[in-house]
Amino acid sequence: MTGSRNVDSGTRSEGTLDSRYGRAPNRRLRDRRSLWITAGAFAVVLVGWVVWVGLGASQPLLETRDIRNVVQDDRNVTVTFEASIPVGSPASCAVEALNQSFAVVGWKVIDLPPSDQYSRTFTEQLLTSEPATTGLIYRCWLT
């Protein structure tokens, strides 16, 4: 009888210690559930990111590059730039002239017709409100 009392008291003391320190019998099950829930949430976020990046990559690429500018006189600047536009897509570009303090003194939006070439060179003349020091392409977009 004495031996069974020790076993019972040992079991009770282990149960008391387990409950005291937060070790429950279903702890492993909870840990597994937490792991699966965390892994599932990570997988959902990863799949969402891959879809978002994949859809963003399908948009056509539009690039521009300034080639040169020539200040012809106090009222005129000529800007030459290269535009790489997806074949068959029309675009518009804003060209600007800047003065010595980088204020905009000339601005023009030009329409670029669709073409079967990806990269094309354009030259535009801008009228300015005061003497300019440079001219450049500001931004292009598909129309």
N, C-alpha and C. Protein backbone atom coordinates (compact mmCIF):
# COMPACT_ATOMS: atom_id res chain seq x y z
N MET A 1 0.79 -1.19 0.00
CA MET A 1 0.00 0.00 0.00
C MET A 1 0.84 1.25 0.00
N THR A 2 1.90 1.16 0.68
CA THR A 2 2.76 2.31 0.76
C THR A 2 3.31 2.65 -0.62
N GLY A 3 3.62 1.64 -1.40
CA GLY A 3 4.15 1.87 -2.75
C GLY A 3 3.14 2.55 -3.65
N SER A 4 1.86 2.16 -3.49
CA SER A 4 0.86 2.78 -4.34
C SER A 4 0.60 4.22 -3.93
N ARG A 5 0.77 4.51 -2.66
CA ARG A 5 0.60 5.89 -2.21
C ARG A 5 1.67 6.79 -2.82
N ASN A 6 2.91 6.29 -2.90
CA ASN A 6 3.97 7.10 -3.49
C ASN A 6 3.71 7.35 -4.96
N VAL A 7 3.22 6.36 -5.64
CA VAL A 7 2.91 6.54 -7.05
C VAL A 7 1.81 7.55 -7.21
N ASP A 8 0.77 7.43 -6.38
CA ASP A 8 -0.33 8.38 -6.48
C ASP A 8 0.13 9.80 -6.12
N SER A 9 0.87 9.92 -5.07
CA SER A 9 1.33 11.25 -4.68
C SER A 9 2.31 11.79 -5.70
N GLY A 10 3.11 10.89 -6.31
CA GLY A 10 4.02 11.33 -7.36
C GLY A 10 3.25 11.83 -8.57
N THR A 11 2.18 11.15 -8.90
CA THR A 11 1.36 11.57 -10.03
C THR A 11 0.68 12.89 -9.71
N ARG A 12 0.20 13.02 -8.49
CA ARG A 12 -0.43 14.26 -8.11
C ARG A 12 0.56 15.42 -8.11
N SER A 13 1.74 15.17 -7.61
CA SER A 13 2.73 16.24 -7.59
C SER A 13 3.17 16.61 -8.99
N GLU A 14 3.28 15.63 -9.90
CA GLU A 14 3.61 15.97 -11.30
C GLU A 14 2.48 16.77 -11.92
N GLY A 15 1.24 16.36 -11.67
CA GLY A 15 0.09 17.10 -12.19
C GLY A 15 0.04 18.51 -11.64
N THR A 16 0.36 18.64 -10.37
CA THR A 16 0.38 19.96 -9.74
C THR A 16 1.48 20.82 -10.34
N LEU A 17 2.65 20.22 -10.53
CA LEU A 17 3.75 20.96 -11.14
C LEU A 17 3.43 21.34 -12.59
N ASP A 18 2.84 20.41 -13.33
CA ASP A 18 2.46 20.69 -14.72
C ASP A 18 1.48 21.85 -14.80
N SER A 19 0.47 21.81 -13.96
CA SER A 19 -0.51 22.89 -14.00
C SER A 19 0.10 24.20 -13.48
N ARG A 20 0.98 24.10 -12.51
CA ARG A 20 1.61 25.29 -11.96
C ARG A 20 2.48 26.00 -13.00
N TYR A 21 3.21 25.23 -13.80
CA TYR A 21 4.15 25.82 -14.77
C TYR A 21 3.63 25.83 -16.20
N GLY A 22 2.35 25.58 -16.38
CA GLY A 22 1.74 25.73 -17.69
C GLY A 22 1.97 24.58 -18.64
N ARG A 23 2.35 23.44 -18.15
CA ARG A 23 2.53 22.28 -19.02
C ARG A 23 1.24 21.48 -19.00
N ALA A 24 0.46 21.61 -20.03
CA ALA A 24 -0.82 20.90 -20.10
C ALA A 24 -0.65 19.64 -20.93
N PRO A 25 -1.50 18.66 -20.72
CA PRO A 25 -1.38 17.42 -21.50
C PRO A 25 -1.56 17.65 -23.00
N ASN A 26 -2.34 18.64 -23.40
CA ASN A 26 -2.57 18.88 -24.83
C ASN A 26 -1.63 19.94 -25.39
N ARG A 27 -0.54 20.19 -24.73
CA ARG A 27 0.40 21.22 -25.17
C ARG A 27 1.01 20.89 -26.53
N ARG A 28 1.38 19.64 -26.75
CA ARG A 28 1.96 19.26 -28.04
C ARG A 28 0.97 19.49 -29.17
N LEU A 29 -0.28 19.17 -28.94
CA LEU A 29 -1.31 19.40 -29.95
C LEU A 29 -1.43 20.89 -30.26
N ARG A 30 -1.42 21.72 -29.19
CA ARG A 30 -1.47 23.17 -29.40
C ARG A 30 -0.25 23.67 -30.16
N ASP A 31 0.92 23.15 -29.82
CA ASP A 31 2.14 23.56 -30.51
C ASP A 31 2.07 23.21 -31.98
N ARG A 32 1.58 22.01 -32.29
CA ARG A 32 1.45 21.62 -33.70
C ARG A 32 0.47 22.51 -34.43
N ARG A 33 -0.66 22.79 -33.80
CA ARG A 33 -1.65 23.67 -34.43
C ARG A 33 -1.06 25.05 -34.69
N SER A 34 -0.36 25.57 -33.72
CA SER A 34 0.27 26.88 -33.90
C SER A 34 1.26 26.86 -35.04
N LEU A 35 2.03 25.79 -35.12
CA LEU A 35 3.01 25.67 -36.21
C LEU A 35 2.32 25.62 -37.56
N TRP A 36 1.25 24.84 -37.68
CA TRP A 36 0.53 24.73 -38.95
C TRP A 36 -0.16 26.05 -39.32
N ILE A 37 -0.71 26.71 -38.34
CA ILE A 37 -1.36 28.00 -38.62
C ILE A 37 -0.34 29.03 -39.07
N THR A 38 0.80 29.08 -38.43
CA THR A 38 1.87 30.00 -38.82
C THR A 38 2.38 29.67 -40.21
N ALA A 39 2.60 28.39 -40.48
CA ALA A 39 3.08 27.98 -41.82
C ALA A 39 2.04 28.31 -42.88
N GLY A 40 0.76 28.09 -42.58
CA GLY A 40 -0.30 28.41 -43.54
C GLY A 40 -0.38 29.89 -43.83
N ALA A 41 -0.28 30.71 -42.77
CA ALA A 41 -0.30 32.16 -42.97
C ALA A 41 0.89 32.62 -43.81
N PHE A 42 2.05 32.06 -43.53
CA PHE A 42 3.24 32.40 -44.32
C PHE A 42 3.04 32.00 -45.79
N ALA A 43 2.47 30.83 -46.03
CA ALA A 43 2.23 30.36 -47.41
C ALA A 43 1.25 31.28 -48.13
N VAL A 44 0.20 31.72 -47.44
CA VAL A 44 -0.77 32.63 -48.06
C VAL A 44 -0.11 33.95 -48.43
N VAL A 45 0.69 34.49 -47.54
CA VAL A 45 1.39 35.75 -47.81
C VAL A 45 2.36 35.57 -48.97
N LEU A 46 3.09 34.46 -49.00
CA LEU A 46 4.05 34.21 -50.08
C LEU A 46 3.35 34.07 -51.42
N VAL A 47 2.26 33.33 -51.47
CA VAL A 47 1.51 33.18 -52.73
C VAL A 47 0.95 34.52 -53.17
N GLY A 48 0.43 35.30 -52.24
CA GLY A 48 -0.08 36.63 -52.59
C GLY A 48 1.00 37.52 -53.16
N TRP A 49 2.17 37.49 -52.56
CA TRP A 49 3.28 38.31 -53.06
C TRP A 49 3.70 37.87 -54.45
N VAL A 50 3.79 36.56 -54.68
CA VAL A 50 4.19 36.05 -56.00
C VAL A 50 3.18 36.46 -57.06
N VAL A 51 1.90 36.38 -56.75
CA VAL A 51 0.87 36.80 -57.71
C VAL A 51 0.97 38.29 -57.98
N TRP A 52 1.16 39.09 -56.93
CA TRP A 52 1.26 40.54 -57.09
C TRP A 52 2.45 40.92 -57.96
N VAL A 53 3.60 40.31 -57.69
CA VAL A 53 4.79 40.60 -58.49
C VAL A 53 4.61 40.10 -59.91
N GLY A 54 4.03 38.95 -60.07
CA GLY A 54 3.82 38.39 -61.41
C GLY A 54 2.90 39.25 -62.26
N LEU A 55 1.84 39.77 -61.67
CA LEU A 55 0.94 40.63 -62.42
C LEU A 55 1.58 41.96 -62.73
N GLY A 56 2.39 42.47 -61.83
CA GLY A 56 3.09 43.73 -62.07
C GLY A 56 4.12 43.61 -63.18
N ALA A 57 4.71 42.44 -63.32
CA ALA A 57 5.72 42.24 -64.35
C ALA A 57 5.10 42.14 -65.74
N SER A 58 3.79 41.91 -65.82
CA SER A 58 3.17 41.77 -67.13
C SER A 58 2.87 43.12 -67.77
N GLN A 59 3.03 44.20 -67.04
CA GLN A 59 2.79 45.50 -67.61
C GLN A 59 3.94 45.87 -68.54
N PRO A 60 3.62 46.53 -69.65
CA PRO A 60 4.67 46.87 -70.61
C PRO A 60 5.69 47.84 -70.03
N LEU A 61 6.92 47.70 -70.47
CA LEU A 61 8.01 48.52 -69.96
C LEU A 61 8.19 49.74 -70.85
N LEU A 62 8.28 50.90 -70.24
CA LEU A 62 8.46 52.17 -70.94
C LEU A 62 9.69 52.84 -70.35
N GLU A 63 10.67 53.13 -71.20
CA GLU A 63 11.91 53.75 -70.74
C GLU A 63 12.23 54.96 -71.59
N THR A 64 12.88 55.95 -70.97
CA THR A 64 13.33 57.14 -71.71
C THR A 64 14.77 57.45 -71.32
N ARG A 65 15.42 58.16 -72.22
CA ARG A 65 16.82 58.55 -71.98
C ARG A 65 17.08 59.86 -72.69
N ASP A 66 17.59 60.84 -71.93
CA ASP A 66 17.99 62.11 -72.55
C ASP A 66 19.24 61.89 -73.37
N ILE A 67 19.25 62.44 -74.58
CA ILE A 67 20.44 62.32 -75.43
C ILE A 67 21.21 63.64 -75.44
N ARG A 68 20.50 64.74 -75.73
CA ARG A 68 21.18 66.03 -75.70
C ARG A 68 20.15 67.15 -75.68
N ASN A 69 20.63 68.33 -75.33
CA ASN A 69 19.80 69.53 -75.42
C ASN A 69 20.67 70.66 -75.94
N VAL A 70 20.05 71.54 -76.68
CA VAL A 70 20.77 72.69 -77.25
C VAL A 70 19.96 73.94 -76.95
N VAL A 71 20.58 74.88 -76.23
CA VAL A 71 19.94 76.17 -75.97
C VAL A 71 20.23 77.02 -77.19
N GLN A 72 19.22 77.27 -78.01
CA GLN A 72 19.42 77.98 -79.26
C GLN A 72 19.48 79.49 -79.07
N ASP A 73 18.61 80.01 -78.21
CA ASP A 73 18.63 81.43 -77.88
C ASP A 73 17.88 81.61 -76.56
N ASP A 74 17.55 82.87 -76.22
CA ASP A 74 16.89 83.13 -74.94
C ASP A 74 15.48 82.58 -74.86
N ARG A 75 14.91 82.18 -75.98
CA ARG A 75 13.51 81.72 -76.00
C ARG A 75 13.32 80.31 -76.56
N ASN A 76 14.37 79.63 -76.93
CA ASN A 76 14.23 78.31 -77.57
C ASN A 76 15.27 77.32 -77.07
N VAL A 77 14.79 76.10 -76.78
CA VAL A 77 15.66 74.98 -76.42
C VAL A 77 15.22 73.77 -77.23
N THR A 78 16.18 73.04 -77.76
CA THR A 78 15.87 71.81 -78.49
C THR A 78 16.31 70.63 -77.63
N VAL A 79 15.39 69.69 -77.42
CA VAL A 79 15.64 68.51 -76.59
C VAL A 79 15.56 67.27 -77.48
N THR A 80 16.61 66.45 -77.41
CA THR A 80 16.62 65.17 -78.13
C THR A 80 16.64 64.06 -77.09
N PHE A 81 15.72 63.10 -77.26
CA PHE A 81 15.63 62.00 -76.30
C PHE A 81 15.26 60.71 -77.02
N GLU A 82 15.53 59.62 -76.34
CA GLU A 82 15.18 58.30 -76.86
C GLU A 82 14.06 57.73 -75.99
N ALA A 83 13.03 57.21 -76.64
CA ALA A 83 11.91 56.58 -75.92
C ALA A 83 11.80 55.14 -76.38
N SER A 84 11.79 54.24 -75.41
CA SER A 84 11.59 52.81 -75.69
C SER A 84 10.19 52.47 -75.22
N ILE A 85 9.33 52.22 -76.19
CA ILE A 85 7.90 52.02 -75.94
C ILE A 85 7.50 50.66 -76.51
N PRO A 86 6.64 49.92 -75.84
CA PRO A 86 6.20 48.63 -76.40
C PRO A 86 5.67 48.81 -77.83
N VAL A 87 6.00 47.87 -78.68
CA VAL A 87 5.62 47.93 -80.10
C VAL A 87 4.10 48.04 -80.21
N GLY A 88 3.65 48.98 -81.03
CA GLY A 88 2.23 49.16 -81.29
C GLY A 88 1.49 49.97 -80.24
N SER A 89 2.18 50.52 -79.27
CA SER A 89 1.53 51.29 -78.20
C SER A 89 1.79 52.77 -78.37
N PRO A 90 0.73 53.59 -78.33
CA PRO A 90 0.95 55.04 -78.34
C PRO A 90 1.36 55.52 -76.96
N ALA A 91 2.06 56.63 -76.91
CA ALA A 91 2.52 57.20 -75.63
C ALA A 91 2.51 58.71 -75.72
N SER A 92 2.64 59.33 -74.58
CA SER A 92 2.81 60.78 -74.49
C SER A 92 3.99 61.05 -73.59
N CYS A 93 4.70 62.14 -73.87
CA CYS A 93 5.86 62.52 -73.06
C CYS A 93 5.80 64.01 -72.74
N ALA A 94 6.25 64.34 -71.56
CA ALA A 94 6.37 65.75 -71.15
C ALA A 94 7.85 66.12 -71.22
N VAL A 95 8.14 67.20 -71.93
CA VAL A 95 9.51 67.69 -72.09
C VAL A 95 9.55 69.05 -71.40
N GLU A 96 10.65 69.32 -70.69
CA GLU A 96 10.74 70.57 -69.95
C GLU A 96 12.08 71.26 -70.17
N ALA A 97 12.05 72.58 -69.99
CA ALA A 97 13.26 73.39 -70.01
C ALA A 97 13.41 74.02 -68.64
N LEU A 98 14.64 74.04 -68.12
CA LEU A 98 14.91 74.56 -66.79
C LEU A 98 15.89 75.74 -66.88
N ASN A 99 15.74 76.69 -65.95
CA ASN A 99 16.69 77.80 -65.90
C ASN A 99 17.82 77.47 -64.92
N GLN A 100 18.63 78.46 -64.64
CA GLN A 100 19.81 78.24 -63.80
C GLN A 100 19.47 77.80 -62.38
N SER A 101 18.30 78.21 -61.86
CA SER A 101 17.89 77.80 -60.51
C SER A 101 16.95 76.59 -60.56
N PHE A 102 16.95 75.88 -61.66
CA PHE A 102 16.18 74.65 -61.87
C PHE A 102 14.67 74.86 -61.84
N ALA A 103 14.22 76.07 -62.12
CA ALA A 103 12.79 76.34 -62.26
C ALA A 103 12.38 76.00 -63.69
N VAL A 104 11.16 75.53 -63.85
CA VAL A 104 10.65 75.18 -65.17
C VAL A 104 10.30 76.47 -65.91
N VAL A 105 10.93 76.66 -67.07
CA VAL A 105 10.67 77.85 -67.89
C VAL A 105 10.08 77.50 -69.24
N GLY A 106 9.92 76.21 -69.50
CA GLY A 106 9.29 75.74 -70.74
C GLY A 106 8.78 74.33 -70.53
N TRP A 107 7.62 74.04 -71.13
CA TRP A 107 6.99 72.73 -70.91
C TRP A 107 6.17 72.39 -72.14
N LYS A 108 6.24 71.14 -72.55
CA LYS A 108 5.46 70.71 -73.71
C LYS A 108 5.15 69.23 -73.58
N VAL A 109 3.90 68.86 -73.83
CA VAL A 109 3.49 67.46 -73.86
C VAL A 109 3.34 67.07 -75.32
N ILE A 110 4.04 66.00 -75.69
CA ILE A 110 3.98 65.55 -77.09
C ILE A 110 3.40 64.14 -77.13
N ASP A 111 2.67 63.86 -78.20
CA ASP A 111 2.10 62.54 -78.41
C ASP A 111 2.99 61.76 -79.35
N LEU A 112 3.32 60.53 -78.97
CA LEU A 112 4.16 59.67 -79.79
C LEU A 112 3.27 58.57 -80.38
N PRO A 113 3.20 58.50 -81.70
CA PRO A 113 2.32 57.51 -82.33
C PRO A 113 2.86 56.09 -82.15
N PRO A 114 2.00 55.09 -82.29
CA PRO A 114 2.48 53.70 -82.22
C PRO A 114 3.46 53.41 -83.36
N SER A 115 4.34 52.48 -83.12
CA SER A 115 5.35 52.14 -84.12
C SER A 115 5.68 50.66 -84.02
N ASP A 116 6.34 50.14 -85.04
CA ASP A 116 6.78 48.74 -84.99
C ASP A 116 8.20 48.63 -84.44
N GLN A 117 8.78 49.77 -84.02
CA GLN A 117 10.11 49.77 -83.40
C GLN A 117 9.96 50.02 -81.90
N TYR A 118 10.79 49.34 -81.12
CA TYR A 118 10.75 49.51 -79.66
C TYR A 118 11.39 50.82 -79.24
N SER A 119 12.56 51.14 -79.77
CA SER A 119 13.28 52.37 -79.39
C SER A 119 13.29 53.34 -80.55
N ARG A 120 12.95 54.58 -80.25
CA ARG A 120 12.97 55.64 -81.26
C ARG A 120 13.55 56.91 -80.66
N THR A 121 14.10 57.76 -81.52
CA THR A 121 14.67 59.03 -81.08
C THR A 121 13.77 60.16 -81.55
N PHE A 122 13.56 61.13 -80.67
CA PHE A 122 12.71 62.27 -80.97
C PHE A 122 13.46 63.55 -80.63
N THR A 123 13.18 64.62 -81.40
CA THR A 123 13.73 65.94 -81.13
C THR A 123 12.57 66.92 -81.09
N GLU A 124 12.50 67.68 -80.00
CA GLU A 124 11.42 68.66 -79.82
C GLU A 124 12.01 70.01 -79.49
N GLN A 125 11.38 71.06 -80.03
CA GLN A 125 11.80 72.42 -79.72
C GLN A 125 10.80 73.00 -78.73
N LEU A 126 11.34 73.60 -77.68
CA LEU A 126 10.51 74.20 -76.63
C LEU A 126 10.66 75.71 -76.65
N LEU A 127 9.56 76.42 -76.52
CA LEU A 127 9.60 77.86 -76.29
C LEU A 127 9.71 78.08 -74.79
N THR A 128 10.54 79.05 -74.39
CA THR A 128 10.75 79.29 -72.97
C THR A 128 10.30 80.69 -72.59
N SER A 129 9.97 80.87 -71.33
CA SER A 129 9.52 82.17 -70.84
C SER A 129 10.69 83.07 -70.44
N GLU A 130 11.86 82.47 -70.24
CA GLU A 130 13.10 83.20 -69.94
C GLU A 130 14.26 82.31 -70.37
N PRO A 131 15.48 82.80 -70.36
CA PRO A 131 16.61 81.98 -70.82
C PRO A 131 16.73 80.68 -70.02
N ALA A 132 16.89 79.60 -70.74
CA ALA A 132 17.03 78.28 -70.13
C ALA A 132 18.49 77.84 -70.15
N THR A 133 18.83 76.95 -69.24
CA THR A 133 20.19 76.39 -69.24
C THR A 133 20.20 74.93 -69.68
N THR A 134 19.03 74.29 -69.64
CA THR A 134 18.96 72.89 -70.05
C THR A 134 17.55 72.53 -70.46
N GLY A 135 17.44 71.42 -71.14
CA GLY A 135 16.14 70.86 -71.52
C GLY A 135 16.23 69.35 -71.37
N LEU A 136 15.15 68.76 -70.91
CA LEU A 136 15.18 67.31 -70.70
C LEU A 136 13.79 66.71 -70.73
N ILE A 137 13.76 65.39 -70.81
CA ILE A 137 12.50 64.67 -70.78
C ILE A 137 12.08 64.57 -69.32
N TYR A 138 10.83 64.89 -69.03
CA TYR A 138 10.35 64.82 -67.65
C TYR A 138 9.76 63.44 -67.34
N ARG A 139 8.79 63.02 -68.15
CA ARG A 139 8.14 61.73 -67.92
C ARG A 139 7.38 61.31 -69.15
N CYS A 140 7.25 60.00 -69.37
CA CYS A 140 6.45 59.45 -70.46
C CYS A 140 5.45 58.45 -69.89
N TRP A 141 4.34 58.27 -70.58
CA TRP A 141 3.32 57.33 -70.14
C TRP A 141 2.59 56.79 -71.36
N LEU A 142 2.02 55.61 -71.21
CA LEU A 142 1.27 55.00 -72.31
C LEU A 142 -0.10 55.64 -72.37
N THR A 143 -0.59 55.88 -73.59
CA THR A 143 -1.91 56.49 -73.76
C THR A 143 -2.86 55.56 -74.45
